[in-house]
Every structure is written in C-alpha cells, then in structure tokens.
N, C-alpha and C. Protein backbone atom coordinates (compact mmCIF):
# COMPACT_ATOMS: atom_id res chain seq x y z
N MET A 1 99.38 84.66 98.59
CA MET A 1 99.93 83.84 98.45
C MET A 1 99.60 82.57 98.52
N LYS A 2 99.48 81.78 97.61
CA LYS A 2 98.78 79.93 97.66
C LYS A 2 100.24 79.11 97.54
N LEU A 3 100.00 78.23 98.23
CA LEU A 3 100.70 76.77 98.00
C LEU A 3 100.70 75.83 97.68
N TYR A 4 101.17 75.32 96.99
CA TYR A 4 100.69 73.96 96.53
C TYR A 4 101.64 72.43 97.06
N GLY A 5 101.29 72.14 97.93
CA GLY A 5 102.26 71.03 98.30
C GLY A 5 101.75 68.90 97.89
N VAL A 6 102.64 67.98 98.51
CA VAL A 6 101.96 66.83 97.80
C VAL A 6 102.82 66.03 98.73
N CYS A 7 102.49 64.99 99.19
CA CYS A 7 103.42 64.18 99.99
C CYS A 7 104.61 63.29 99.58
N LYS A 8 105.29 62.38 100.04
CA LYS A 8 106.60 61.55 98.80
C LYS A 8 105.32 61.02 98.22
N CYS A 9 104.67 60.15 98.12
CA CYS A 9 103.98 58.70 97.38
C CYS A 9 102.71 60.12 96.86
N GLY A 10 102.65 60.82 97.01
CA GLY A 10 101.36 61.49 95.85
C GLY A 10 99.72 61.45 96.13
N ASN A 11 99.58 60.54 97.69
CA ASN A 11 98.53 60.45 98.25
C ASN A 11 97.72 61.55 98.13
N CYS A 12 98.01 62.50 98.91
CA CYS A 12 97.70 63.49 100.14
C CYS A 12 98.71 65.06 99.92
N GLU A 13 97.06 65.33 99.65
CA GLU A 13 97.37 67.08 99.40
C GLU A 13 97.28 68.46 99.72
N VAL A 14 98.14 69.50 99.91
CA VAL A 14 97.94 70.70 101.04
C VAL A 14 97.92 71.01 100.68
N VAL A 15 97.46 72.53 100.57
CA VAL A 15 97.14 74.02 100.00
C VAL A 15 97.09 74.99 101.86
N ALA A 16 98.07 76.09 100.81
CA ALA A 16 98.64 76.90 101.95
C ALA A 16 98.05 78.16 101.87
N GLU A 17 97.17 79.22 101.64
CA GLU A 17 95.99 79.97 101.20
C GLU A 17 96.55 81.62 102.76
N GLY A 18 97.05 82.35 102.19
CA GLY A 18 97.52 83.94 102.66
C GLY A 18 98.06 85.02 102.51
N SER A 19 97.40 85.91 103.25
CA SER A 19 98.65 87.16 102.55
C SER A 19 100.08 87.44 103.60
N ILE A 20 100.99 86.52 102.96
CA ILE A 20 102.09 86.42 103.36
C ILE A 20 103.39 86.43 102.86
N GLU A 21 104.31 86.31 102.56
CA GLU A 21 105.66 86.96 102.30
C GLU A 21 106.33 85.19 103.02
N LEU A 22 106.53 84.36 101.61
CA LEU A 22 107.25 82.76 101.73
C LEU A 22 108.49 84.05 102.89
N SER A 23 108.87 84.19 102.79
CA SER A 23 110.64 84.75 103.18
C SER A 23 110.33 84.76 105.10
N THR A 24 109.08 85.35 105.49
CA THR A 24 108.54 85.58 106.47
C THR A 24 108.58 84.81 107.96
N LEU A 25 108.26 83.36 106.84
CA LEU A 25 107.56 82.01 107.26
C LEU A 25 108.93 81.38 107.90
N VAL A 26 108.75 81.56 109.15
CA VAL A 26 109.88 80.31 109.99
C VAL A 26 109.68 78.85 110.03
N PRO A 27 110.33 78.29 109.04
CA PRO A 27 109.94 76.82 109.28
C PRO A 27 110.57 76.37 110.68
N ARG A 28 110.04 75.61 111.47
CA ARG A 28 110.67 75.40 113.33
C ARG A 28 110.66 73.40 113.08
N ILE A 29 111.54 72.96 113.64
CA ILE A 29 112.40 71.62 113.57
C ILE A 29 112.18 71.58 114.57
N CYS A 30 111.40 70.62 115.63
CA CYS A 30 111.29 70.49 116.75
C CYS A 30 112.09 69.15 116.68
N ASP A 31 112.94 69.04 118.07
CA ASP A 31 114.26 68.11 118.70
C ASP A 31 113.83 66.99 119.39
N CYS A 32 112.42 67.06 119.21
CA CYS A 32 111.57 66.07 120.66
C CYS A 32 112.24 64.26 119.46
N GLU A 33 111.87 63.10 120.41
CA GLU A 33 112.25 62.02 119.79
C GLU A 33 111.01 61.27 118.69
N TYR A 34 109.63 62.02 119.13
CA TYR A 34 108.98 61.73 118.04
C TYR A 34 109.19 62.40 116.66
N CYS A 35 109.42 63.69 117.01
CA CYS A 35 109.10 64.34 115.66
C CYS A 35 111.14 64.35 114.78
N GLN A 36 112.07 63.66 115.27
CA GLN A 36 112.95 63.11 114.92
C GLN A 36 112.31 61.63 114.24
N LEU A 37 111.43 60.70 114.24
CA LEU A 37 111.71 59.93 113.64
C LEU A 37 110.49 60.38 112.65
N HIS A 38 109.78 61.13 112.75
CA HIS A 38 109.08 61.75 111.94
C HIS A 38 110.02 63.40 111.23
N PRO A 39 110.80 63.21 110.59
CA PRO A 39 111.57 64.51 110.39
C PRO A 39 110.64 65.30 108.99
N SER A 40 110.47 67.06 109.76
CA SER A 40 109.74 67.46 109.44
C SER A 40 110.08 68.98 109.58
N ALA A 41 109.65 69.94 109.40
CA ALA A 41 109.92 71.49 109.39
C ALA A 41 108.43 72.18 109.13
N VAL A 42 107.96 72.26 110.39
CA VAL A 42 106.05 72.96 110.29
C VAL A 42 106.37 75.35 110.21
N VAL A 43 105.45 74.93 109.17
CA VAL A 43 105.50 76.61 109.08
C VAL A 43 104.05 77.12 109.82
N SER A 44 103.84 78.29 110.09
CA SER A 44 102.96 78.12 109.86
C SER A 44 102.57 80.08 110.13
N SER A 45 101.54 80.52 110.20
CA SER A 45 100.89 82.03 110.75
C SER A 45 99.84 82.37 110.48
N PRO A 46 99.07 83.51 112.30
CA PRO A 46 97.93 83.15 112.22
C PRO A 46 97.22 83.95 111.03
N ASN A 47 97.92 83.98 109.30
CA ASN A 47 97.26 85.09 108.75
C ASN A 47 97.11 83.83 107.54
N MET A 48 97.51 82.32 108.03
CA MET A 48 97.48 81.56 106.56
C MET A 48 96.40 80.68 106.94
N ALA A 49 96.15 79.69 106.11
CA ALA A 49 95.07 78.74 106.01
C ALA A 49 95.77 77.48 105.29
N VAL A 50 95.25 76.37 105.36
CA VAL A 50 95.95 74.88 105.32
C VAL A 50 95.14 74.13 105.62
N SER A 51 95.12 73.68 104.12
CA SER A 51 94.25 72.86 104.41
C SER A 51 94.73 71.32 103.15
N VAL A 52 94.37 69.91 104.10
CA VAL A 52 94.62 68.82 103.74
C VAL A 52 93.86 68.10 102.78
N LYS A 53 94.63 67.44 101.96
CA LYS A 53 93.30 66.83 101.16
C LYS A 53 93.29 65.61 100.49
N ALA A 54 93.17 64.45 100.82
CA ALA A 54 92.76 63.11 100.27
C ALA A 54 91.86 62.40 101.16
N GLU A 55 91.95 60.87 100.85
CA GLU A 55 91.41 60.06 100.69
C GLU A 55 91.10 59.41 102.74
N ALA A 56 89.66 59.91 102.95
CA ALA A 56 90.18 59.12 104.42
C ALA A 56 90.49 57.76 104.91
N SER A 57 91.18 57.22 103.59
CA SER A 57 91.57 56.17 104.40
C SER A 57 93.13 56.48 104.02
N SER A 58 93.07 57.62 103.28
CA SER A 58 95.47 57.35 103.18
C SER A 58 95.72 58.69 104.19
N ILE A 59 95.07 59.27 105.56
CA ILE A 59 95.51 59.64 106.75
C ILE A 59 95.26 59.06 107.36
N TYR A 60 96.22 59.38 108.34
CA TYR A 60 96.77 58.53 109.63
C TYR A 60 96.34 59.74 111.02
N GLN A 61 96.19 59.19 111.69
CA GLN A 61 96.35 60.12 112.78
C GLN A 61 97.27 59.90 114.25
N ALA A 62 97.85 60.97 115.05
CA ALA A 62 98.42 60.13 115.94
C ALA A 62 98.52 61.36 117.19
N VAL A 63 99.24 61.39 118.49
CA VAL A 63 99.16 62.27 119.08
C VAL A 63 100.45 61.51 119.95
N ASN A 64 101.32 62.89 120.48
CA ASN A 64 102.51 62.45 120.95
C ASN A 64 102.55 63.42 122.51
N GLY A 65 103.85 63.17 122.87
CA GLY A 65 103.94 64.18 124.24
C GLY A 65 102.75 64.46 124.74
N SER A 66 102.39 65.55 125.19
CA SER A 66 101.04 65.58 126.12
C SER A 66 99.88 65.94 126.02
N GLY A 67 99.75 65.28 124.25
CA GLY A 67 98.57 64.55 123.94
C GLY A 67 97.55 65.96 123.15
N GLN A 68 98.58 66.81 123.27
CA GLN A 68 97.27 67.88 123.33
C GLN A 68 96.72 68.21 121.89
N ALA A 69 97.81 68.20 120.77
CA ALA A 69 97.80 67.91 119.22
C ALA A 69 97.81 67.03 118.59
N VAL A 70 97.29 66.88 117.40
CA VAL A 70 97.20 66.06 116.99
C VAL A 70 97.79 65.75 115.06
N PHE A 71 99.11 65.34 114.88
CA PHE A 71 99.76 64.76 114.16
C PHE A 71 99.39 64.44 112.92
N TYR A 72 98.70 64.66 111.92
CA TYR A 72 98.06 64.17 110.16
C TYR A 72 99.42 63.92 109.98
N HIS A 73 99.75 62.37 109.18
CA HIS A 73 100.38 61.52 108.40
C HIS A 73 99.75 61.03 107.42
N CYS A 74 100.33 60.67 106.07
CA CYS A 74 99.90 59.77 104.94
C CYS A 74 100.25 58.44 105.56
N LYS A 75 99.40 57.82 105.36
CA LYS A 75 99.85 56.08 105.74
C LYS A 75 100.27 55.35 104.44
N GLY A 76 100.93 55.82 103.27
CA GLY A 76 101.00 55.59 102.47
C GLY A 76 102.89 55.51 102.42
N CYS A 77 103.59 56.88 103.02
CA CYS A 77 104.17 56.73 103.16
C CYS A 77 105.29 57.74 104.44
N ASN A 78 103.65 57.89 105.07
CA ASN A 78 104.54 58.13 106.38
C ASN A 78 104.73 59.60 106.95
N GLN A 79 104.65 60.28 105.90
CA GLN A 79 105.35 61.91 105.71
C GLN A 79 104.28 62.49 106.81
N LEU A 80 104.81 63.85 107.50
CA LEU A 80 104.09 64.68 108.40
C LEU A 80 103.38 65.18 107.46
N LEU A 81 101.89 65.21 107.37
CA LEU A 81 101.03 66.71 106.50
C LEU A 81 101.49 68.13 107.32
N ALA A 82 100.48 67.93 108.69
CA ALA A 82 100.54 68.91 109.24
C ALA A 82 100.03 68.32 111.13
N VAL A 83 99.83 69.13 111.81
CA VAL A 83 100.16 68.77 113.02
C VAL A 83 98.66 70.23 113.77
N GLY A 84 97.53 70.02 114.62
CA GLY A 84 96.61 70.96 114.66
C GLY A 84 96.22 70.88 116.32
N ALA A 85 95.38 71.26 116.29
CA ALA A 85 94.10 71.24 117.85
C ALA A 85 93.35 72.18 117.21
N ILE A 86 92.46 71.86 118.85
CA ILE A 86 91.34 72.51 118.48
C ILE A 86 91.29 73.54 119.69
N PHE A 87 91.16 74.92 119.48
CA PHE A 87 91.01 76.47 119.93
C PHE A 87 89.60 77.10 120.31
N SER A 88 88.99 77.01 121.07
CA SER A 88 87.41 76.91 121.74
C SER A 88 86.48 76.81 120.00
N GLY A 89 86.94 75.45 119.58
CA GLY A 89 85.99 75.11 118.65
C GLY A 89 86.38 75.21 117.69
N VAL A 90 87.47 75.81 117.37
CA VAL A 90 88.28 76.05 115.54
C VAL A 90 89.04 75.32 115.79
N SER A 91 90.03 75.10 114.36
CA SER A 91 90.72 74.13 114.22
C SER A 91 91.73 74.88 113.73
N LEU A 92 92.89 74.99 114.29
CA LEU A 92 94.54 75.86 114.21
C LEU A 92 95.38 74.59 113.93
N GLY A 93 96.61 74.74 113.28
CA GLY A 93 97.43 74.25 113.08
C GLY A 93 98.42 74.86 112.19
N ALA A 94 99.43 73.94 111.84
CA ALA A 94 100.85 73.80 111.46
C ALA A 94 101.41 73.16 109.89
N VAL A 95 101.68 73.76 109.37
CA VAL A 95 101.88 72.79 108.14
C VAL A 95 103.39 72.53 107.70
N ASN A 96 103.58 71.17 106.88
CA ASN A 96 104.66 70.49 107.09
C ASN A 96 105.64 71.64 105.64
N ALA A 97 106.36 71.76 105.91
CA ALA A 97 107.67 73.10 105.32
C ALA A 97 107.60 71.92 104.16
N CYS A 98 108.38 70.59 104.06
CA CYS A 98 108.47 70.25 103.28
C CYS A 98 108.10 69.36 101.85
N LEU A 99 107.39 69.47 102.58
CA LEU A 99 106.05 68.97 101.48
C LEU A 99 105.71 70.47 99.69
N PHE A 100 106.06 71.32 100.12
CA PHE A 100 106.54 72.60 98.76
C PHE A 100 107.76 71.99 98.12
N GLY A 101 107.56 72.47 96.98
CA GLY A 101 108.44 72.27 95.63
C GLY A 101 109.78 73.82 96.13
N ASN A 102 108.86 75.06 97.12
CA ASN A 102 109.78 75.94 96.87
C ASN A 102 110.27 76.03 98.66
N SER A 103 109.70 75.34 99.24
CA SER A 103 110.39 75.68 100.64
C SER A 103 111.95 76.17 100.28
N ASP A 104 112.58 76.51 99.57
CA ASP A 104 113.75 77.43 100.07
C ASP A 104 113.81 77.99 99.84
N GLN A 105 112.12 78.97 99.87
CA GLN A 105 112.20 80.20 99.49
C GLN A 105 111.50 80.91 100.81
N PHE A 106 111.53 80.01 101.89
CA PHE A 106 111.11 80.42 103.62
C PHE A 106 112.45 81.14 104.45
N ALA A 107 111.99 81.76 105.21
CA ALA A 107 113.36 81.63 106.40
C ALA A 107 113.94 80.75 106.86
N GLU A 108 115.41 80.87 107.27
CA GLU A 108 116.29 79.97 107.90
C GLU A 108 115.64 79.61 109.33
N PRO A 109 115.72 78.06 108.73
CA PRO A 109 114.86 76.96 110.06
C PRO A 109 115.49 77.46 111.31
N ILE A 110 114.04 77.22 112.22
CA ILE A 110 115.24 76.81 113.40
C ILE A 110 114.63 76.13 114.49
N SER A 111 115.72 76.00 115.31
CA SER A 111 115.11 74.59 116.11
C SER A 111 114.05 75.12 117.54
N ILE A 112 113.49 74.30 117.46
CA ILE A 112 112.26 73.86 118.83
C ILE A 112 112.37 72.76 119.99
N GLN A 113 112.17 73.40 120.93
CA GLN A 113 111.74 72.16 121.78
C GLN A 113 110.76 72.29 122.64
N PRO A 114 109.53 72.20 121.64
CA PRO A 114 107.80 72.28 122.61
C PRO A 114 107.87 71.68 123.98
N TRP A 115 108.49 70.62 123.66
CA TRP A 115 108.47 69.52 124.74
C TRP A 115 109.08 70.19 126.31
N LEU A 116 109.50 71.07 126.18
CA LEU A 116 110.31 71.94 127.62
C LEU A 116 109.43 72.64 127.97
N LEU A 117 108.01 72.93 127.25
CA LEU A 117 106.66 74.06 127.92
C LEU A 117 105.78 72.60 128.39
N SER A 118 105.03 73.86 129.74
CA SER A 118 104.27 73.43 130.27
C SER A 118 102.81 73.31 129.32
N PRO A 119 101.74 72.27 129.16
CA PRO A 119 100.85 72.39 127.95
C PRO A 119 100.19 73.80 127.98
N ALA A 120 99.55 74.05 129.02
CA ALA A 120 99.59 75.70 128.89
C ALA A 120 99.82 76.41 128.49
N GLU A 121 101.86 76.63 128.47
CA GLU A 121 102.26 77.46 127.73
C GLU A 121 102.13 76.42 125.76
N LYS A 122 102.39 75.85 125.66
CA LYS A 122 102.55 75.40 124.96
C LYS A 122 100.89 75.50 123.95
N MET A 123 99.71 75.25 124.45
CA MET A 123 98.78 76.27 124.15
C MET A 123 98.59 77.78 123.31
N ALA A 124 99.15 78.09 124.53
CA ALA A 124 98.75 80.03 124.19
C ALA A 124 100.25 79.61 123.35
N ARG A 125 101.53 79.10 122.63
CA ARG A 125 102.37 79.07 122.22
C ARG A 125 101.60 79.27 120.49
N TRP A 126 101.14 77.91 120.62
CA TRP A 126 100.72 77.57 119.82
C TRP A 126 99.00 78.30 118.86
N SER A 127 98.20 78.81 119.78
CA SER A 127 97.02 79.74 119.60
C SER A 127 97.18 81.60 118.90
N LYS A 128 99.29 81.67 119.05
CA LYS A 128 99.64 82.53 118.47
C LYS A 128 99.86 82.67 117.28
N LEU A 129 100.64 81.00 117.13
CA LEU A 129 101.95 80.42 115.77
C LEU A 129 101.00 80.52 114.49
N TRP A 130 99.81 79.77 115.15
CA TRP A 130 99.07 79.01 114.35
C TRP A 130 97.94 79.35 113.34
N GLY A 131 97.49 79.05 111.73
CA GLY A 131 96.46 79.23 111.50
C GLY A 131 95.66 78.85 111.26
N GLY A 132 94.54 78.32 110.36
CA GLY A 132 93.38 77.89 110.42
C GLY A 132 93.90 76.44 109.93
N LEU A 133 93.49 75.41 110.18
CA LEU A 133 93.50 74.05 109.93
C LEU A 133 92.44 73.19 109.24
N LYS A 134 92.32 72.57 108.33
CA LYS A 134 91.22 72.06 108.25
C LYS A 134 92.20 70.78 107.03
N ILE A 135 90.60 69.37 107.17
CA ILE A 135 91.31 68.19 106.92
C ILE A 135 89.85 67.81 106.30
N CYS A 136 90.41 67.84 105.02
CA CYS A 136 88.87 67.39 103.58
C CYS A 136 89.56 65.99 103.14
N TYR A 137 88.17 65.53 103.46
CA TYR A 137 88.78 63.94 103.33
C TYR A 137 87.45 63.58 101.67
N ALA A 138 88.89 63.04 101.04
CA ALA A 138 87.32 62.87 99.63
C ALA A 138 86.88 61.91 99.56
C-alpha cells in the first residue's frame, strides 16, 4: 500500500507506505478539547511509515496534554498532518486519515480518550500502534 495525501491548502504532502490493507486501519478520533478544535481521525500501524513533506516555513509544531507528543500542523490551513513522539531515538507517529482522498476505504472510525491514560500508559499504547514518522523539510 502507498497512499498520497495533501492538506486543505496544498502546502503539505504526506505519503503513507506499508504492507497493510486499508480496511484494517481504524481511524481514531480523539475527544479532547485540542483535537476537537483540530478535527482529524488518525491512523497508524507498526507496519506503516509516514513521511510529511513541506517547506520548513509551512509546518508548525504544537504540544498538548501531557506534552509527550508533537502535533504537526500546516501553517496555511491549520490542518493536522501527523502526531508523533520519539521512542528510544526512533520517531514514531500517526497520520491524519482526512488527508487522503480514499479515506472511505479505512475501517469504521472509533472514538478514543487518551487523556484518561497516564503518561506511561500513553507511551506504551503509542509504541504498539504507531509506525515510522519522518518530517521532510524541502
């Protein structure tokens, strides 16, 4: 599988690659206040690698909640591109499924509440769900 996506304004591109079926990827919609202000449905798999490609001036980073994860947004349209964290020196993350034109091929979205988890529980969960994440500045 190789998926290409773009943010609403076209300034940022994403590529997701992996040996997985789209129908097995379950978009996760977080119900926290931050995520409700930045609507998204993130998908990931340990068997998936995500690359975000944009000019350095086109992406801004934000932290939320426990401050463990970095949220990457397009400066032009404010759309969430990906979320990630570093695990033992390796960048892992999830990508916003709304960036892909064929997002209807994913599994049915589910609601999640990571803000109910402790910082250790979050890291353990993310390390099992997330795949490689690379931010490529042009």
